[in-house]
C-alpha atoms as a PDB file:
ATOM      1  CA  MET A   1     -88.639 108.545-152.738  1.00  0.00           C
ATOM      2  CA  LEU A   2     -87.572 107.761-156.284  1.00  0.00           C
ATOM      3  CA  ILE A   3     -91.202 107.783-157.424  1.00  0.00           C
ATOM      4  CA  ILE A   4     -91.751 111.216-155.870  1.00  0.00           C
ATOM      5  CA  VAL A   5     -88.676 112.632-157.615  1.00  0.00           C
ATOM      6  CA  LEU A   6     -89.833 111.116-160.892  1.00  0.00           C
ATOM      7  CA  LEU A   7     -93.311 112.654-160.573  1.00  0.00           C
ATOM      8  CA  ILE A   8     -91.898 116.069-159.643  1.00  0.00           C
ATOM      9  CA  GLY A   9     -89.551 115.972-162.615  1.00  0.00           C
ATOM     10  CA  ILE A  10     -92.293 115.013-165.054  1.00  0.00           C
ATOM     11  CA  THR A  11     -94.849 117.548-163.829  1.00  0.00           C
ATOM     12  CA  SER A  12     -92.326 120.405-163.646  1.00  0.00           C
ATOM     13  CA  GLY A  13     -91.959 120.180-167.422  1.00  0.00           C
ATOM     14  CA  TYR A  14     -95.609 121.095-167.833  1.00  0.00           C
ATOM     15  CA  PHE A  15     -95.459 124.045-165.420  1.00  0.00           C
ATOM     16  CA  PHE A  16     -92.005 125.523-166.109  1.00  0.00           C
ATOM     17  CA  GLY A  17     -91.321 124.458-169.691  1.00  0.00           C
ATOM     18  CA  GLN A  18     -88.981 121.861-171.081  1.00  0.00           C
ATOM     19  CA  ASP A  19     -85.524 121.246-169.606  1.00  0.00           C
ATOM     20  CA  ASN A  20     -86.021 123.404-166.520  1.00  0.00           C
ATOM     21  CA  ALA A  21     -83.781 123.243-163.449  1.00  0.00           C
ATOM     22  CA  ILE A  22     -86.153 121.060-161.406  1.00  0.00           C
ATOM     23  CA  GLU A  23     -86.413 118.517-164.201  1.00  0.00           C
ATOM     24  CA  GLU A  24     -82.650 118.454-164.687  1.00  0.00           C
ATOM     25  CA  LEU A  25     -82.082 117.903-160.957  1.00  0.00           C
ATOM     26  CA  SER A  26     -84.630 115.080-160.960  1.00  0.00           C
ATOM     27  CA  GLU A  27     -82.853 113.433-163.890  1.00  0.00           C
ATOM     28  CA  LEU A  28     -79.502 113.810-162.114  1.00  0.00           C
ATOM     29  CA  PHE A  29     -80.894 112.311-158.891  1.00  0.00           C
ATOM     30  CA  ILE A  30     -82.338 109.331-160.784  1.00  0.00           C
ATOM     31  CA  LYS A  31     -79.044 108.826-162.645  1.00  0.00           C
ATOM     32  CA  ASN A  32     -76.985 108.943-159.436  1.00  0.00           C
ATOM     33  CA  THR A  33     -79.386 106.655-157.585  1.00  0.00           C
ATOM     34  CA  THR A  34     -80.067 104.013-160.237  1.00  0.00           C
ATOM     35  CA  ASN A  35     -77.344 104.513-162.892  1.00  0.00           C
ATOM     36  CA  ILE A  36     -80.152 104.845-165.458  1.00  0.00           C
ATOM     37  CA  GLU A  37     -80.054 107.906-167.705  1.00  0.00           C
ATOM     38  CA  ILE A  38     -83.538 109.128-168.652  1.00  0.00           C
ATOM     39  CA  ASP A  39     -85.023 112.299-170.108  1.00  0.00           C
ATOM     40  CA  LEU A  40     -88.198 113.487-168.391  1.00  0.00           C
ATOM     41  CA  THR A  41     -88.981 116.179-170.966  1.00  0.00           C
ATOM     42  CA  PRO A  42     -92.603 115.832-172.043  1.00  0.00           C
ATOM     43  CA  ASN A  43     -93.210 115.485-175.761  1.00  0.00           C
ATOM     44  CA  ASN A  44     -89.499 115.121-176.365  1.00  0.00           C
ATOM     45  CA  GLU A  45     -88.915 114.566-180.074  1.00  0.00           C
ATOM     46  CA  GLU A  46     -85.937 112.532-181.218  1.00  0.00           C
ATOM     47  CA  LYS A  47     -83.329 114.557-183.077  1.00  0.00           C
END
C-alpha cells in the first residue's frame, strides 16, 4: 500500500502541479506510517 501511495503522490505532481493536496496527503501518510519525512515534489530545487 505504501508503494501505491508513493506512486500516486509522485504522479499527482505532474498532473496537478507542485505541492497539490494529493501530494501533501501522500507525504503525510508516508510520514505517519514510516516516520520518514520526504518531499514528493518533482523537480524540487533546494532553497
